[in-house]
Every structure is written in structure tokens, then in C-alpha cells.
Amino acid sequence: MMNKMKLINLRQKVTNFIKREDGASAIEYALIAGLIAIAIIATAGGLGAQISEVFSNITSALTGAVPSSTSSP
């Protein structure tokens, strides 16, 4: 009898949770946050190669601009 009461109580809690809109709002916010995270990851991945190329170009330019240290007067 006690297990049946627990089951009925659990069923009522689940039914009340489904009827409330708080759960739906939380799910919507979680989906929005997930989509924003995917957009950030995709953008960072796309920019990563470009940023790496920019730093490589800067390194090449600076390496060519540094005078050779092997010459001494």
C-alpha cells in the first residue's frame, strides 16, 4: 500500500511539473544557450586558421627585420 501511495505521489509531481510552464521555459533557454555555444565554436574554428596565418605572417616579417647577430665590428 505504501509503494502505491509513493507511485501516486510521484505521478502527481510529474503531472504538475509537465503542466507548469517553468520547465518549458528552462528547456527553451537551454536550447538557446546550446545554439549560441555552437555558433561560438563554429566561429572560433573558422577564425582560428585565419588568426594563425596572421601570426605566422607577423613572425616572418619580424624575423626578416631583425639584424643578423653574427656580424661584429
C-alpha atoms as a PDB file:
ATOM      1  CA  MET A   1       0.000   0.000   0.000  1.00  0.00           C
ATOM      2  CA  MET A   2       2.883   2.349   0.813  1.00  0.00           C
ATOM      3  CA  ASN A   3       4.510   1.765  -2.594  1.00  0.00           C
ATOM      4  CA  LYS A   4       1.219   2.548  -4.311  1.00  0.00           C
ATOM      5  CA  MET A   5       0.987   5.844  -2.406  1.00  0.00           C
ATOM      6  CA  LYS A   6       4.552   6.734  -3.391  1.00  0.00           C
ATOM      7  CA  LEU A   7       3.774   5.924  -7.015  1.00  0.00           C
ATOM      8  CA  ILE A   8       0.633   8.077  -6.975  1.00  0.00           C
ATOM      9  CA  ASN A   9       2.564  10.916  -5.306  1.00  0.00           C
ATOM     10  CA  LEU A  10       5.340  10.661  -7.903  1.00  0.00           C
ATOM     11  CA  ARG A  11       2.775  10.610 -10.704  1.00  0.00           C
ATOM     12  CA  GLN A  12       1.146  13.773  -9.341  1.00  0.00           C
ATOM     13  CA  LYS A  13       4.502  15.529  -9.096  1.00  0.00           C
ATOM     14  CA  VAL A  14       5.402  14.619 -12.677  1.00  0.00           C
ATOM     15  CA  THR A  15       1.976  15.715 -13.912  1.00  0.00           C
ATOM     16  CA  ASN A  16       2.273  19.041 -12.085  1.00  0.00           C
ATOM     17  CA  PHE A  17       5.762  19.578 -13.482  1.00  0.00           C
ATOM     18  CA  ILE A  18       4.569  18.937 -17.036  1.00  0.00           C
ATOM     19  CA  LYS A  19       1.610  21.298 -16.625  1.00  0.00           C
ATOM     20  CA  ARG A  20       3.777  24.129 -15.320  1.00  0.00           C
ATOM     21  CA  GLU A  21       5.448  26.295 -17.918  1.00  0.00           C
ATOM     22  CA  ASP A  22       8.600  26.791 -15.862  1.00  0.00           C
ATOM     23  CA  GLY A  23      10.027  23.548 -17.212  1.00  0.00           C
ATOM     24  CA  ALA A  24       9.288  24.583 -20.782  1.00  0.00           C
ATOM     25  CA  SER A  25      10.991  27.933 -20.264  1.00  0.00           C
ATOM     26  CA  ALA A  26      14.072  26.259 -18.828  1.00  0.00           C
ATOM     27  CA  ILE A  27      14.253  23.919 -21.817  1.00  0.00           C
ATOM     28  CA  GLU A  28      13.891  26.828 -24.225  1.00  0.00           C
ATOM     29  CA  TYR A  29      16.703  28.724 -22.515  1.00  0.00           C
ATOM     30  CA  ALA A  30      18.886  25.618 -22.580  1.00  0.00           C
ATOM     31  CA  LEU A  31      18.280  25.214 -26.326  1.00  0.00           C
ATOM     32  CA  ILE A  32      19.109  28.866 -26.962  1.00  0.00           C
ATOM     33  CA  ALA A  33      22.297  28.585 -24.885  1.00  0.00           C
ATOM     34  CA  GLY A  34      23.256  25.444 -26.807  1.00  0.00           C
ATOM     35  CA  LEU A  35      22.742  27.137 -30.166  1.00  0.00           C
ATOM     36  CA  ILE A  36      24.795  30.134 -29.064  1.00  0.00           C
ATOM     37  CA  ALA A  37      27.582  27.807 -27.918  1.00  0.00           C
ATOM     38  CA  ILE A  38      27.557  26.011 -31.278  1.00  0.00           C
ATOM     39  CA  ALA A  39      27.736  29.350 -33.105  1.00  0.00           C
ATOM     40  CA  ILE A  40      30.685  30.491 -30.966  1.00  0.00           C
ATOM     41  CA  ILE A  41      32.541  27.217 -31.515  1.00  0.00           C
ATOM     42  CA  ALA A  42      31.956  27.337 -35.276  1.00  0.00           C
ATOM     43  CA  THR A  43      33.093  30.960 -35.475  1.00  0.00           C
ATOM     44  CA  ALA A  44      36.181  30.320 -33.359  1.00  0.00           C
ATOM     45  CA  GLY A  45      37.086  27.325 -35.517  1.00  0.00           C
ATOM     46  CA  GLY A  46      36.778  29.387 -38.673  1.00  0.00           C
ATOM     47  CA  LEU A  47      38.764  32.281 -37.275  1.00  0.00           C
ATOM     48  CA  GLY A  48      41.424  30.033 -35.737  1.00  0.00           C
ATOM     49  CA  ALA A  49      43.101  29.288 -39.058  1.00  0.00           C
ATOM     50  CA  GLN A  50      42.999  32.932 -40.108  1.00  0.00           C
ATOM     51  CA  ILE A  51      44.460  34.126 -36.810  1.00  0.00           C
ATOM     52  CA  SER A  52      47.206  31.516 -37.052  1.00  0.00           C
ATOM     53  CA  GLU A  53      48.067  32.755 -40.534  1.00  0.00           C
ATOM     54  CA  VAL A  54      48.226  36.373 -39.326  1.00  0.00           C
ATOM     55  CA  PHE A  55      50.647  35.446 -36.522  1.00  0.00           C
ATOM     56  CA  SER A  56      52.760  33.435 -38.950  1.00  0.00           C
ATOM     57  CA  ASN A  57      52.986  36.463 -41.254  1.00  0.00           C
ATOM     58  CA  ILE A  58      53.934  38.690 -38.328  1.00  0.00           C
ATOM     59  CA  THR A  59      56.608  36.207 -37.238  1.00  0.00           C
ATOM     60  CA  SER A  60      58.024  36.060 -40.759  1.00  0.00           C
ATOM     61  CA  ALA A  61      58.089  39.837 -41.043  1.00  0.00           C
ATOM     62  CA  LEU A  62      59.773  40.269 -37.680  1.00  0.00           C
ATOM     63  CA  THR A  63      62.329  37.533 -38.385  1.00  0.00           C
ATOM     64  CA  GLY A  64      63.330  39.299 -41.594  1.00  0.00           C
ATOM     65  CA  ALA A  65      63.541  42.677 -39.836  1.00  0.00           C
ATOM     66  CA  VAL A  66      65.912  41.567 -37.062  1.00  0.00           C
ATOM     67  CA  PRO A  67      69.566  42.268 -37.968  1.00  0.00           C
ATOM     68  CA  SER A  68      71.932  39.359 -38.007  1.00  0.00           C
ATOM     69  CA  SER A  69      73.867  38.930 -34.777  1.00  0.00           C
ATOM     70  CA  THR A  70      76.845  37.232 -36.452  1.00  0.00           C
ATOM     71  CA  SER A  71      78.457  40.446 -37.690  1.00  0.00           C
ATOM     72  CA  SER A  72      80.788  42.155 -35.208  1.00  0.00           C
ATOM     73  CA  PRO A  73      82.918  45.276 -35.767  1.00  0.00           C
END
